[in-house]
């Protein structure tokens, strides 16, 4: 039983390319940067949905830029990047599909 579980886990991991793994890790890191910024403008559950839409629709370059701010407070350039990303058509469509309002800095 344990061998079967280990074999299945091993095969599952082998199916993931290093690029896919790196992308997932980068996006999870980007979430830790985006979530606190979005949380300044909306409530917890809304912030989670908006964060997911922003990060899921981010380009690889945007994810890399966000990842530079992991474990530090986001500066104005990062906050501006997050709001630009929120205006991305794919992100806006994700927000609309989730019934969320667009993210706006005027919310404060």
N, C-alpha and C. Protein backbone atom coordinates (compact mmCIF):
# COMPACT_ATOMS: atom_id res chain seq x y z
N UNK A 1 0.83 -1.20 0.00
CA UNK A 1 0.00 0.00 0.00
C UNK A 1 0.87 1.26 0.00
N UNK A 2 1.86 1.28 0.90
CA UNK A 2 2.74 2.45 0.97
C UNK A 2 3.57 2.56 -0.29
N UNK A 3 4.03 1.43 -0.81
CA UNK A 3 4.81 1.45 -2.05
C UNK A 3 3.99 2.02 -3.20
N UNK A 4 2.74 1.64 -3.27
CA UNK A 4 1.86 2.14 -4.34
C UNK A 4 1.69 3.65 -4.23
N UNK A 5 1.51 4.13 -3.01
CA UNK A 5 1.36 5.57 -2.80
C UNK A 5 2.63 6.31 -3.19
N UNK A 6 3.78 5.77 -2.82
CA UNK A 6 5.06 6.39 -3.18
C UNK A 6 5.27 6.38 -4.69
N UNK A 7 4.91 5.30 -5.33
CA UNK A 7 5.04 5.20 -6.77
C UNK A 7 4.16 6.22 -7.47
N UNK A 8 2.92 6.35 -7.02
CA UNK A 8 1.99 7.32 -7.61
C UNK A 8 2.52 8.74 -7.40
N UNK A 9 3.00 9.03 -6.20
CA UNK A 9 3.54 10.35 -5.91
C UNK A 9 4.76 10.62 -6.80
N UNK A 10 5.63 9.65 -6.92
CA UNK A 10 6.81 9.81 -7.77
C UNK A 10 6.46 10.05 -9.22
N UNK A 11 5.49 9.30 -9.72
CA UNK A 11 5.06 9.49 -11.11
C UNK A 11 4.40 10.85 -11.30
N UNK A 12 3.66 11.30 -10.32
CA UNK A 12 3.02 12.62 -10.40
C UNK A 12 4.07 13.72 -10.46
N UNK A 13 5.09 13.60 -9.62
CA UNK A 13 6.15 14.60 -9.62
C UNK A 13 6.96 14.56 -10.91
N UNK A 14 7.18 13.37 -11.42
CA UNK A 14 7.93 13.24 -12.66
C UNK A 14 7.19 13.87 -13.83
N UNK A 15 5.88 13.90 -13.77
CA UNK A 15 5.08 14.48 -14.84
C UNK A 15 5.19 16.00 -14.87
N UNK A 16 5.59 16.61 -13.78
CA UNK A 16 5.73 18.06 -13.72
C UNK A 16 7.09 18.46 -14.27
N UNK A 17 7.09 19.38 -15.20
CA UNK A 17 8.37 19.84 -15.72
C UNK A 17 8.99 20.83 -14.74
N UNK A 18 10.30 20.97 -14.76
CA UNK A 18 10.94 21.96 -13.88
C UNK A 18 10.41 23.37 -14.11
N UNK A 19 10.06 23.67 -15.35
CA UNK A 19 9.52 25.00 -15.66
C UNK A 19 8.18 25.20 -14.98
N UNK A 20 7.32 24.18 -15.01
CA UNK A 20 6.02 24.27 -14.35
C UNK A 20 6.17 24.44 -12.85
N UNK A 21 7.08 23.70 -12.28
CA UNK A 21 7.32 23.80 -10.84
C UNK A 21 7.82 25.19 -10.49
N UNK A 22 8.77 25.70 -11.27
CA UNK A 22 9.31 27.04 -11.01
C UNK A 22 8.22 28.10 -11.14
N UNK A 23 7.35 27.94 -12.14
CA UNK A 23 6.26 28.89 -12.33
C UNK A 23 5.32 28.88 -11.13
N UNK A 24 4.96 27.68 -10.66
CA UNK A 24 4.06 27.58 -9.50
C UNK A 24 4.69 28.18 -8.26
N UNK A 25 5.96 27.93 -8.05
CA UNK A 25 6.66 28.49 -6.89
C UNK A 25 6.70 30.02 -6.99
N UNK A 26 7.01 30.52 -8.17
CA UNK A 26 7.05 31.97 -8.38
C UNK A 26 5.70 32.62 -8.16
N UNK A 27 4.65 31.99 -8.63
CA UNK A 27 3.31 32.54 -8.45
C UNK A 27 2.88 32.51 -6.99
N UNK A 28 3.23 31.46 -6.27
CA UNK A 28 2.90 31.42 -4.83
C UNK A 28 3.67 32.51 -4.09
N UNK A 29 4.91 32.75 -4.48
CA UNK A 29 5.69 33.83 -3.87
C UNK A 29 5.07 35.18 -4.21
N UNK A 30 4.63 35.34 -5.46
CA UNK A 30 4.00 36.60 -5.87
C UNK A 30 2.73 36.86 -5.07
N UNK A 31 1.99 35.81 -4.76
CA UNK A 31 0.78 35.97 -3.95
C UNK A 31 1.10 36.62 -2.60
N UNK A 32 2.23 36.27 -2.01
CA UNK A 32 2.60 36.83 -0.71
C UNK A 32 2.92 38.31 -0.79
N UNK A 33 3.19 38.79 -1.98
CA UNK A 33 3.44 40.21 -2.19
C UNK A 33 2.13 40.93 -2.52
N UNK A 34 1.33 40.32 -3.39
CA UNK A 34 0.09 40.96 -3.86
C UNK A 34 -0.96 41.02 -2.75
N UNK A 35 -1.12 39.94 -2.00
CA UNK A 35 -2.21 39.84 -1.01
C UNK A 35 -2.23 40.98 0.00
N UNK A 36 -1.10 41.35 0.62
CA UNK A 36 -1.15 42.46 1.59
C UNK A 36 -1.52 43.80 0.95
N UNK A 37 -1.09 44.01 -0.29
CA UNK A 37 -1.43 45.27 -0.97
C UNK A 37 -2.93 45.30 -1.25
N UNK A 38 -3.46 44.23 -1.81
CA UNK A 38 -4.89 44.17 -2.11
C UNK A 38 -5.69 44.25 -0.81
N UNK A 39 -5.18 43.65 0.24
CA UNK A 39 -5.86 43.67 1.54
C UNK A 39 -6.01 45.07 2.12
N UNK A 40 -5.20 46.00 1.66
CA UNK A 40 -5.35 47.40 2.09
C UNK A 40 -6.56 48.07 1.46
N UNK A 41 -7.12 47.45 0.42
CA UNK A 41 -8.20 48.06 -0.33
C UNK A 41 -9.53 47.32 -0.26
N UNK A 42 -9.51 46.09 0.25
CA UNK A 42 -10.75 45.33 0.36
C UNK A 42 -10.66 44.29 1.46
N UNK A 43 -11.79 43.69 1.79
CA UNK A 43 -11.85 42.74 2.89
C UNK A 43 -11.16 41.42 2.54
N UNK A 44 -10.94 40.59 3.56
CA UNK A 44 -10.22 39.33 3.42
C UNK A 44 -10.68 38.42 2.30
N UNK A 45 -11.95 38.00 2.30
CA UNK A 45 -12.39 37.08 1.24
C UNK A 45 -12.29 37.70 -0.16
N UNK A 46 -12.64 38.97 -0.27
CA UNK A 46 -12.52 39.65 -1.56
C UNK A 46 -11.06 39.74 -1.97
N UNK A 47 -10.19 40.07 -1.03
CA UNK A 47 -8.77 40.21 -1.32
C UNK A 47 -8.17 38.90 -1.82
N UNK A 48 -8.64 37.78 -1.28
CA UNK A 48 -8.14 36.48 -1.73
C UNK A 48 -8.50 36.25 -3.20
N UNK A 49 -9.74 36.53 -3.57
CA UNK A 49 -10.20 36.33 -4.95
C UNK A 49 -9.45 37.26 -5.89
N UNK A 50 -9.32 38.52 -5.53
CA UNK A 50 -8.64 39.50 -6.38
C UNK A 50 -7.16 39.13 -6.52
N UNK A 51 -6.53 38.73 -5.43
CA UNK A 51 -5.13 38.31 -5.49
C UNK A 51 -4.97 37.16 -6.46
N UNK A 52 -5.84 36.17 -6.37
CA UNK A 52 -5.77 35.00 -7.25
C UNK A 52 -5.92 35.43 -8.71
N UNK A 53 -6.87 36.31 -9.02
CA UNK A 53 -7.05 36.77 -10.39
C UNK A 53 -5.81 37.50 -10.90
N UNK A 54 -5.23 38.34 -10.07
CA UNK A 54 -4.04 39.09 -10.49
C UNK A 54 -2.88 38.15 -10.75
N UNK A 55 -2.60 37.27 -9.82
CA UNK A 55 -1.43 36.38 -9.95
C UNK A 55 -1.64 35.36 -11.06
N UNK A 56 -2.83 34.81 -11.18
CA UNK A 56 -3.09 33.81 -12.23
C UNK A 56 -2.94 34.39 -13.63
N UNK A 57 -3.16 35.68 -13.78
CA UNK A 57 -3.09 36.32 -15.10
C UNK A 57 -1.82 37.12 -15.30
N UNK A 58 -0.88 37.01 -14.38
CA UNK A 58 0.40 37.73 -14.49
C UNK A 58 1.31 37.05 -15.50
N UNK A 59 2.09 37.87 -16.18
CA UNK A 59 3.10 37.31 -17.09
C UNK A 59 4.27 36.79 -16.25
N UNK A 60 5.13 36.02 -16.87
CA UNK A 60 6.32 35.50 -16.17
C UNK A 60 7.20 36.65 -15.69
N UNK A 61 7.32 37.70 -16.50
CA UNK A 61 8.12 38.87 -16.09
C UNK A 61 7.51 39.57 -14.87
N UNK A 62 6.18 39.69 -14.86
CA UNK A 62 5.51 40.33 -13.72
C UNK A 62 5.70 39.49 -12.45
N UNK A 63 5.59 38.18 -12.58
CA UNK A 63 5.80 37.30 -11.43
C UNK A 63 7.21 37.47 -10.90
N UNK A 64 8.17 37.54 -11.80
CA UNK A 64 9.56 37.72 -11.39
C UNK A 64 9.76 39.07 -10.68
N UNK A 65 9.15 40.12 -11.19
CA UNK A 65 9.26 41.44 -10.55
C UNK A 65 8.65 41.41 -9.16
N UNK A 66 7.48 40.78 -9.01
CA UNK A 66 6.82 40.70 -7.71
C UNK A 66 7.64 39.87 -6.73
N UNK A 67 8.24 38.82 -7.21
CA UNK A 67 9.00 37.93 -6.34
C UNK A 67 10.19 38.61 -5.69
N UNK A 68 10.64 39.70 -6.25
CA UNK A 68 11.75 40.45 -5.64
C UNK A 68 11.35 41.07 -4.31
N UNK A 69 10.04 41.25 -4.10
CA UNK A 69 9.57 41.90 -2.87
C UNK A 69 9.07 40.91 -1.83
N UNK A 70 9.38 39.64 -1.98
CA UNK A 70 8.98 38.65 -0.99
C UNK A 70 9.68 38.97 0.33
N UNK A 71 8.91 38.93 1.41
CA UNK A 71 9.41 39.13 2.78
C UNK A 71 9.79 40.58 3.10
N UNK A 72 9.40 41.51 2.23
CA UNK A 72 9.57 42.93 2.54
C UNK A 72 8.26 43.64 2.22
N UNK A 73 8.08 44.81 2.78
CA UNK A 73 6.87 45.57 2.47
C UNK A 73 6.95 46.12 1.06
N UNK A 74 5.88 45.99 0.31
CA UNK A 74 5.85 46.45 -1.07
C UNK A 74 6.03 47.96 -1.13
N UNK A 75 6.92 48.40 -1.98
CA UNK A 75 7.14 49.83 -2.18
C UNK A 75 6.17 50.38 -3.21
N UNK A 76 6.29 51.66 -3.49
CA UNK A 76 5.35 52.30 -4.41
C UNK A 76 5.43 51.72 -5.82
N UNK A 77 6.62 51.35 -6.28
CA UNK A 77 6.75 50.77 -7.62
C UNK A 77 6.00 49.43 -7.70
N UNK A 78 6.10 48.64 -6.64
CA UNK A 78 5.40 47.36 -6.62
C UNK A 78 3.90 47.55 -6.54
N UNK A 79 3.46 48.49 -5.71
CA UNK A 79 2.02 48.78 -5.61
C UNK A 79 1.50 49.25 -6.97
N UNK A 80 2.24 50.12 -7.64
CA UNK A 80 1.83 50.58 -8.97
C UNK A 80 1.76 49.41 -9.95
N UNK A 81 2.73 48.50 -9.89
CA UNK A 81 2.72 47.32 -10.75
C UNK A 81 1.47 46.48 -10.50
N UNK A 82 1.13 46.26 -9.26
CA UNK A 82 -0.05 45.47 -8.91
C UNK A 82 -1.32 46.10 -9.48
N UNK A 83 -1.45 47.41 -9.38
CA UNK A 83 -2.63 48.08 -9.92
C UNK A 83 -2.65 48.05 -11.45
N UNK A 84 -1.48 48.13 -12.08
CA UNK A 84 -1.43 47.98 -13.55
C UNK A 84 -1.86 46.56 -13.94
N UNK A 85 -1.38 45.58 -13.19
CA UNK A 85 -1.74 44.19 -13.46
C UNK A 85 -3.25 43.97 -13.28
N UNK A 86 -3.84 44.65 -12.33
CA UNK A 86 -5.28 44.51 -12.07
C UNK A 86 -6.11 45.05 -13.23
N UNK A 87 -5.52 45.95 -14.02
CA UNK A 87 -6.24 46.50 -15.18
C UNK A 87 -6.05 45.66 -16.44
N UNK A 88 -5.24 44.61 -16.36
CA UNK A 88 -5.04 43.71 -17.49
C UNK A 88 -6.40 43.16 -17.90
N UNK A 89 -6.70 43.11 -19.21
CA UNK A 89 -8.02 42.61 -19.64
C UNK A 89 -8.36 41.21 -19.10
N UNK A 90 -7.39 40.32 -19.08
CA UNK A 90 -7.67 38.96 -18.57
C UNK A 90 -7.97 38.99 -17.07
N UNK A 91 -7.27 39.84 -16.35
CA UNK A 91 -7.51 39.98 -14.91
C UNK A 91 -8.89 40.60 -14.67
N UNK A 92 -9.20 41.64 -15.44
CA UNK A 92 -10.52 42.28 -15.32
C UNK A 92 -11.64 41.28 -15.61
N UNK A 93 -11.44 40.42 -16.60
CA UNK A 93 -12.45 39.41 -16.93
C UNK A 93 -12.58 38.40 -15.78
N UNK A 94 -11.47 38.03 -15.17
CA UNK A 94 -11.49 37.11 -14.03
C UNK A 94 -12.26 37.75 -12.87
N UNK A 95 -11.99 39.02 -12.60
CA UNK A 95 -12.68 39.72 -11.51
C UNK A 95 -14.18 39.79 -11.79
N UNK A 96 -14.53 40.11 -13.02
CA UNK A 96 -15.94 40.21 -13.38
C UNK A 96 -16.63 38.85 -13.25
N UNK A 97 -15.96 37.78 -13.70
CA UNK A 97 -16.53 36.44 -13.61
C UNK A 97 -16.74 36.02 -12.16
N UNK A 98 -15.88 36.53 -11.27
CA UNK A 98 -15.99 36.19 -9.85
C UNK A 98 -16.95 37.13 -9.11
N UNK A 99 -17.53 38.09 -9.86
CA UNK A 99 -18.46 39.04 -9.23
C UNK A 99 -17.77 40.08 -8.38
N UNK A 100 -16.49 40.33 -8.68
CA UNK A 100 -15.70 41.29 -7.89
C UNK A 100 -15.61 42.63 -8.61
N UNK A 101 -15.56 43.71 -7.86
CA UNK A 101 -15.35 45.02 -8.48
C UNK A 101 -13.89 45.14 -8.91
N UNK A 102 -13.61 46.03 -9.85
CA UNK A 102 -12.21 46.24 -10.21
C UNK A 102 -11.45 46.82 -9.02
N UNK A 103 -10.19 46.50 -8.93
CA UNK A 103 -9.34 47.03 -7.85
C UNK A 103 -9.01 48.48 -8.17
N UNK A 104 -9.24 49.35 -7.21
CA UNK A 104 -9.01 50.78 -7.43
C UNK A 104 -8.29 51.39 -6.25
N UNK A 105 -7.28 52.21 -6.55
CA UNK A 105 -6.54 52.89 -5.49
C UNK A 105 -7.39 53.96 -4.82
N UNK A 106 -8.47 54.37 -5.45
CA UNK A 106 -9.32 55.39 -4.87
C UNK A 106 -10.24 54.82 -3.80
N UNK A 107 -10.16 53.51 -3.58
CA UNK A 107 -11.03 52.88 -2.60
C UNK A 107 -10.74 53.36 -1.18
N UNK A 108 -9.55 53.87 -0.96
CA UNK A 108 -9.22 54.33 0.40
C UNK A 108 -9.75 55.69 0.69
